[in-house]
Amino acid sequence: MANEYTICQDNANDSITFVGLQNPENVTVFNLNGQALLHTLCSGTLDISCLNSGIYLLKIGTGKTLKKVKQ
């Protein structure tokens, strides 16, 4: 059975909290051109303060990809 993940954004727009991670997972952040901008092992919170405003795709492990809008 595939893991289910949910993302929660903080009010400052500088981090993302992943709900549903039972173990640390590799998380890769892509822009809409498919370029990998950030790759890290995440156990719950991901710092995205280095990213400009825009739309990003988040790939978690080898499974689910989520869309994220940073304002």
N, C-alpha and C. Protein backbone atom coordinates (compact mmCIF):
# COMPACT_ATOMS: atom_id res chain seq x y z
N MET A 1 0.84 -1.18 0.00
CA MET A 1 0.00 0.00 0.00
C MET A 1 0.89 1.24 0.00
N ALA A 2 0.57 2.22 -0.80
CA ALA A 2 1.37 3.44 -0.91
C ALA A 2 1.13 4.35 0.29
N ASN A 3 2.18 5.06 0.69
CA ASN A 3 2.05 6.02 1.77
C ASN A 3 1.27 7.24 1.29
N GLU A 4 0.50 7.82 2.19
CA GLU A 4 -0.25 9.04 1.89
C GLU A 4 0.44 10.19 2.60
N TYR A 5 0.66 11.28 1.89
CA TYR A 5 1.32 12.46 2.43
C TYR A 5 0.43 13.68 2.24
N THR A 6 0.54 14.57 3.17
CA THR A 6 -0.12 15.86 3.09
C THR A 6 0.92 16.91 3.41
N ILE A 7 0.84 18.09 2.76
CA ILE A 7 1.77 19.16 3.10
C ILE A 7 1.01 20.30 3.74
N CYS A 8 1.64 20.90 4.74
CA CYS A 8 1.09 22.06 5.43
C CYS A 8 2.12 23.17 5.33
N GLN A 9 1.69 24.33 4.91
CA GLN A 9 2.59 25.47 4.72
C GLN A 9 2.51 26.40 5.91
N ASP A 10 3.65 26.92 6.35
CA ASP A 10 3.63 27.89 7.44
C ASP A 10 3.18 29.25 6.92
N ASN A 11 2.80 30.11 7.82
CA ASN A 11 2.30 31.43 7.43
C ASN A 11 3.36 32.30 6.78
N ALA A 12 4.62 32.10 7.13
CA ALA A 12 5.69 32.91 6.56
C ALA A 12 6.10 32.42 5.17
N ASN A 13 5.58 31.27 4.75
CA ASN A 13 5.87 30.73 3.42
C ASN A 13 7.30 30.25 3.26
N ASP A 14 8.00 30.00 4.37
CA ASP A 14 9.40 29.61 4.29
C ASP A 14 9.67 28.15 4.61
N SER A 15 8.64 27.41 4.98
CA SER A 15 8.84 26.00 5.24
C SER A 15 7.57 25.22 4.94
N ILE A 16 7.76 23.94 4.72
CA ILE A 16 6.65 23.03 4.46
C ILE A 16 6.76 21.90 5.47
N THR A 17 5.65 21.55 6.08
CA THR A 17 5.60 20.42 6.99
C THR A 17 4.88 19.28 6.29
N PHE A 18 5.50 18.12 6.29
CA PHE A 18 4.91 16.93 5.68
C PHE A 18 4.22 16.12 6.77
N VAL A 19 2.94 15.87 6.59
CA VAL A 19 2.18 15.04 7.51
C VAL A 19 2.03 13.67 6.86
N GLY A 20 2.41 12.64 7.56
CA GLY A 20 2.29 11.29 7.03
C GLY A 20 3.62 10.62 6.78
N LEU A 21 4.73 11.33 6.98
CA LEU A 21 6.04 10.70 6.85
C LEU A 21 6.29 9.84 8.09
N GLN A 22 6.47 8.56 7.89
CA GLN A 22 6.74 7.69 9.02
C GLN A 22 8.24 7.50 9.21
N ASN A 23 9.01 7.68 8.16
CA ASN A 23 10.46 7.59 8.18
C ASN A 23 11.01 8.74 7.35
N PRO A 24 12.27 9.13 7.57
CA PRO A 24 12.85 10.15 6.70
C PRO A 24 12.78 9.72 5.23
N GLU A 25 12.44 10.66 4.37
CA GLU A 25 12.30 10.39 2.94
C GLU A 25 13.12 11.39 2.14
N ASN A 26 13.62 10.97 0.99
CA ASN A 26 14.25 11.90 0.07
C ASN A 26 13.17 12.78 -0.53
N VAL A 27 13.39 14.09 -0.51
CA VAL A 27 12.45 15.04 -1.09
C VAL A 27 13.22 15.87 -2.11
N THR A 28 12.69 15.95 -3.33
CA THR A 28 13.29 16.75 -4.38
C THR A 28 12.28 17.79 -4.81
N VAL A 29 12.74 19.05 -4.93
CA VAL A 29 11.89 20.15 -5.37
C VAL A 29 12.29 20.50 -6.80
N PHE A 30 11.32 20.50 -7.72
CA PHE A 30 11.54 20.80 -9.13
C PHE A 30 10.80 22.06 -9.50
N ASN A 31 11.35 22.83 -10.44
CA ASN A 31 10.57 23.92 -11.03
C ASN A 31 9.73 23.33 -12.15
N LEU A 32 8.91 24.15 -12.80
CA LEU A 32 8.02 23.62 -13.84
C LEU A 32 8.75 23.26 -15.13
N ASN A 33 10.05 23.59 -15.22
CA ASN A 33 10.86 23.16 -16.36
C ASN A 33 11.50 21.81 -16.11
N GLY A 34 11.26 21.24 -14.94
CA GLY A 34 11.80 19.93 -14.61
C GLY A 34 13.18 19.96 -13.99
N GLN A 35 13.70 21.14 -13.69
CA GLN A 35 15.02 21.26 -13.08
C GLN A 35 14.91 21.01 -11.57
N ALA A 36 15.77 20.14 -11.06
CA ALA A 36 15.82 19.89 -9.62
C ALA A 36 16.52 21.06 -8.95
N LEU A 37 15.84 21.70 -8.02
CA LEU A 37 16.38 22.88 -7.34
C LEU A 37 16.88 22.56 -5.94
N LEU A 38 16.32 21.54 -5.33
CA LEU A 38 16.65 21.21 -3.95
C LEU A 38 16.44 19.72 -3.76
N HIS A 39 17.40 19.06 -3.11
CA HIS A 39 17.27 17.63 -2.83
C HIS A 39 17.78 17.40 -1.42
N THR A 40 16.96 16.81 -0.57
CA THR A 40 17.35 16.61 0.82
C THR A 40 16.62 15.42 1.42
N LEU A 41 17.15 14.92 2.51
CA LEU A 41 16.49 13.88 3.30
C LEU A 41 15.64 14.61 4.34
N CYS A 42 14.34 14.37 4.31
CA CYS A 42 13.41 15.14 5.15
C CYS A 42 12.69 14.20 6.11
N SER A 43 12.61 14.63 7.36
CA SER A 43 11.88 13.84 8.35
C SER A 43 10.63 14.55 8.85
N GLY A 44 10.30 15.68 8.25
CA GLY A 44 9.06 16.35 8.66
C GLY A 44 8.90 17.76 8.16
N THR A 45 9.96 18.59 8.24
CA THR A 45 9.87 19.98 7.82
C THR A 45 10.95 20.30 6.81
N LEU A 46 10.58 20.98 5.74
CA LEU A 46 11.50 21.35 4.67
C LEU A 46 11.59 22.86 4.58
N ASP A 47 12.81 23.39 4.67
CA ASP A 47 13.05 24.83 4.56
C ASP A 47 13.08 25.21 3.08
N ILE A 48 12.16 26.10 2.67
CA ILE A 48 12.11 26.54 1.27
C ILE A 48 12.36 28.04 1.15
N SER A 49 12.98 28.62 2.17
CA SER A 49 13.22 30.06 2.16
C SER A 49 14.14 30.49 1.02
N CYS A 50 14.94 29.57 0.49
CA CYS A 50 15.86 29.90 -0.60
C CYS A 50 15.17 29.97 -1.96
N LEU A 51 13.91 29.56 -2.04
CA LEU A 51 13.19 29.54 -3.31
C LEU A 51 12.43 30.85 -3.53
N ASN A 52 12.40 31.29 -4.79
CA ASN A 52 11.61 32.46 -5.17
C ASN A 52 10.13 32.09 -5.19
N SER A 53 9.27 33.10 -5.24
CA SER A 53 7.85 32.84 -5.39
C SER A 53 7.62 32.10 -6.70
N GLY A 54 6.69 31.16 -6.70
CA GLY A 54 6.41 30.40 -7.92
C GLY A 54 5.71 29.10 -7.61
N ILE A 55 5.60 28.27 -8.62
CA ILE A 55 4.97 26.96 -8.51
C ILE A 55 6.07 25.91 -8.60
N TYR A 56 6.04 24.97 -7.67
CA TYR A 56 7.06 23.92 -7.60
C TYR A 56 6.40 22.56 -7.47
N LEU A 57 7.12 21.54 -7.90
CA LEU A 57 6.69 20.17 -7.72
C LEU A 57 7.60 19.53 -6.68
N LEU A 58 7.01 18.81 -5.74
CA LEU A 58 7.76 18.15 -4.69
C LEU A 58 7.63 16.65 -4.89
N LYS A 59 8.75 15.97 -5.05
CA LYS A 59 8.72 14.51 -5.19
C LYS A 59 9.21 13.92 -3.88
N ILE A 60 8.41 13.04 -3.32
CA ILE A 60 8.71 12.43 -2.04
C ILE A 60 9.09 10.97 -2.27
N GLY A 61 10.33 10.62 -1.90
CA GLY A 61 10.81 9.26 -2.09
C GLY A 61 10.75 8.87 -3.56
N THR A 62 10.26 7.67 -3.81
CA THR A 62 10.11 7.21 -5.20
C THR A 62 8.65 7.22 -5.61
N GLY A 63 7.82 7.88 -4.80
CA GLY A 63 6.38 7.83 -5.06
C GLY A 63 5.75 9.14 -5.43
N LYS A 64 4.95 9.64 -4.55
CA LYS A 64 4.02 10.74 -4.81
C LYS A 64 4.71 12.06 -5.14
N THR A 65 4.13 12.79 -6.10
CA THR A 65 4.58 14.14 -6.43
C THR A 65 3.44 15.11 -6.09
N LEU A 66 3.79 16.18 -5.36
CA LEU A 66 2.81 17.17 -4.93
C LEU A 66 3.13 18.51 -5.55
N LYS A 67 2.11 19.33 -5.80
CA LYS A 67 2.31 20.68 -6.31
C LYS A 67 2.30 21.66 -5.15
N LYS A 68 3.19 22.63 -5.17
CA LYS A 68 3.31 23.64 -4.12
C LYS A 68 3.42 25.01 -4.76
N VAL A 69 2.64 25.96 -4.28
CA VAL A 69 2.74 27.34 -4.73
C VAL A 69 3.35 28.15 -3.60
N LYS A 70 4.48 28.80 -3.86
CA LYS A 70 5.10 29.68 -2.88
C LYS A 70 4.79 31.11 -3.30
N GLN A 71 4.19 31.87 -2.40
CA GLN A 71 3.80 33.24 -2.71
C GLN A 71 4.84 34.23 -2.26
